[in-house]
Amino acid sequence: MALGEYVMISPDLTQYGEWVKGQVIEVEDNSFVGTVISAQTEDGNIFFGKAADFKRVA
């Protein structure tokens, strides 16, 4: 995933009932957990977590 790319964010991170669309604002290569993605939703909330918690928007 790359900066500016749109992704769907897992309910495991957001605590919402469904996947939410957001835009990638940071990609970090963490030596402990692997790639960590930070994404911001349209309402301004920022969520971050392992890459597995995000899906690319088709």
C-alpha atoms as a PDB file:
ATOM      1  CA  MET A   1       0.000   0.000   0.000  1.00  0.00           C
ATOM      2  CA  ALA A   2       1.181   3.495  -0.781  1.00  0.00           C
ATOM      3  CA  LEU A   3       0.602   7.015   0.516  1.00  0.00           C
ATOM      4  CA  GLY A   4      -2.611   8.514  -0.821  1.00  0.00           C
ATOM      5  CA  GLU A   5      -4.135   5.138  -1.703  1.00  0.00           C
ATOM      6  CA  TYR A   6      -7.720   4.487  -0.604  1.00  0.00           C
ATOM      7  CA  VAL A   7      -8.294   1.464   1.632  1.00  0.00           C
ATOM      8  CA  MET A   8     -11.049  -0.183   3.630  1.00  0.00           C
ATOM      9  CA  ILE A   9     -10.320  -0.275   7.372  1.00  0.00           C
ATOM     10  CA  SER A  10     -11.305  -3.315   9.435  1.00  0.00           C
ATOM     11  CA  PRO A  11     -14.011  -3.071  12.114  1.00  0.00           C
ATOM     12  CA  ASP A  12     -11.428  -4.611  14.471  1.00  0.00           C
ATOM     13  CA  LEU A  13      -9.644  -1.227  14.427  1.00  0.00           C
ATOM     14  CA  THR A  14     -12.572   1.164  14.109  1.00  0.00           C
ATOM     15  CA  GLN A  15     -15.080  -0.593  16.393  1.00  0.00           C
ATOM     16  CA  TYR A  16     -17.750   0.252  13.779  1.00  0.00           C
ATOM     17  CA  GLY A  17     -20.087  -2.438  12.481  1.00  0.00           C
ATOM     18  CA  GLU A  18     -18.599  -2.512   8.992  1.00  0.00           C
ATOM     19  CA  TRP A  19     -15.449  -1.767   7.002  1.00  0.00           C
ATOM     20  CA  VAL A  20     -14.828   1.990   6.575  1.00  0.00           C
ATOM     21  CA  LYS A  21     -13.108   3.771   3.686  1.00  0.00           C
ATOM     22  CA  GLY A  22      -9.981   5.808   4.422  1.00  0.00           C
ATOM     23  CA  GLN A  23      -6.868   7.208   2.786  1.00  0.00           C
ATOM     24  CA  VAL A  24      -3.359   6.013   3.662  1.00  0.00           C
ATOM     25  CA  ILE A  25      -1.386   8.808   5.334  1.00  0.00           C
ATOM     26  CA  GLU A  26       1.621   6.799   6.566  1.00  0.00           C
ATOM     27  CA  VAL A  27       3.311   3.460   5.909  1.00  0.00           C
ATOM     28  CA  GLU A  28       5.838   2.276   8.485  1.00  0.00           C
ATOM     29  CA  ASP A  29       8.100  -0.765   8.298  1.00  0.00           C
ATOM     30  CA  ASN A  30       8.087  -1.873  11.948  1.00  0.00           C
ATOM     31  CA  SER A  31      10.717  -4.455  12.867  1.00  0.00           C
ATOM     32  CA  PHE A  32       8.465  -6.011  15.541  1.00  0.00           C
ATOM     33  CA  VAL A  33       5.080  -6.374  13.803  1.00  0.00           C
ATOM     34  CA  GLY A  34       5.827  -5.808  10.107  1.00  0.00           C
ATOM     35  CA  THR A  35       4.178  -3.125   8.004  1.00  0.00           C
ATOM     36  CA  VAL A  36       1.988  -0.674   9.937  1.00  0.00           C
ATOM     37  CA  ILE A  37      -0.538   1.420   8.016  1.00  0.00           C
ATOM     38  CA  SER A  38      -2.119   4.692   9.199  1.00  0.00           C
ATOM     39  CA  ALA A  39      -5.268   5.800   7.390  1.00  0.00           C
ATOM     40  CA  GLN A  40      -7.594   8.758   7.814  1.00  0.00           C
ATOM     41  CA  THR A  41     -11.349   8.547   7.250  1.00  0.00           C
ATOM     42  CA  GLU A  42     -13.444  11.285   5.628  1.00  0.00           C
ATOM     43  CA  ASP A  43     -14.598  12.487   9.056  1.00  0.00           C
ATOM     44  CA  GLY A  44     -10.978  13.012  10.146  1.00  0.00           C
ATOM     45  CA  ASN A  45     -10.475   9.961  12.385  1.00  0.00           C
ATOM     46  CA  ILE A  46      -7.097   8.249  12.063  1.00  0.00           C
ATOM     47  CA  PHE A  47      -6.687   4.499  12.537  1.00  0.00           C
ATOM     48  CA  PHE A  48      -3.484   2.476  12.423  1.00  0.00           C
ATOM     49  CA  GLY A  49      -2.609  -1.182  12.568  1.00  0.00           C
ATOM     50  CA  LYS A  50      -1.057  -4.126  10.796  1.00  0.00           C
ATOM     51  CA  ALA A  51      -1.405  -4.263   7.011  1.00  0.00           C
ATOM     52  CA  ALA A  52      -3.756  -7.255   7.385  1.00  0.00           C
ATOM     53  CA  ASP A  53      -6.384  -4.915   8.895  1.00  0.00           C
ATOM     54  CA  PHE A  54      -6.661  -2.957   5.642  1.00  0.00           C
ATOM     55  CA  LYS A  55      -7.963  -3.887   2.170  1.00  0.00           C
ATOM     56  CA  ARG A  56      -7.248  -2.071  -1.066  1.00  0.00           C
ATOM     57  CA  VAL A  57     -10.279  -0.400  -2.625  1.00  0.00           C
ATOM     58  CA  ALA A  58     -10.957  -1.944  -6.031  1.00  0.00           C
END
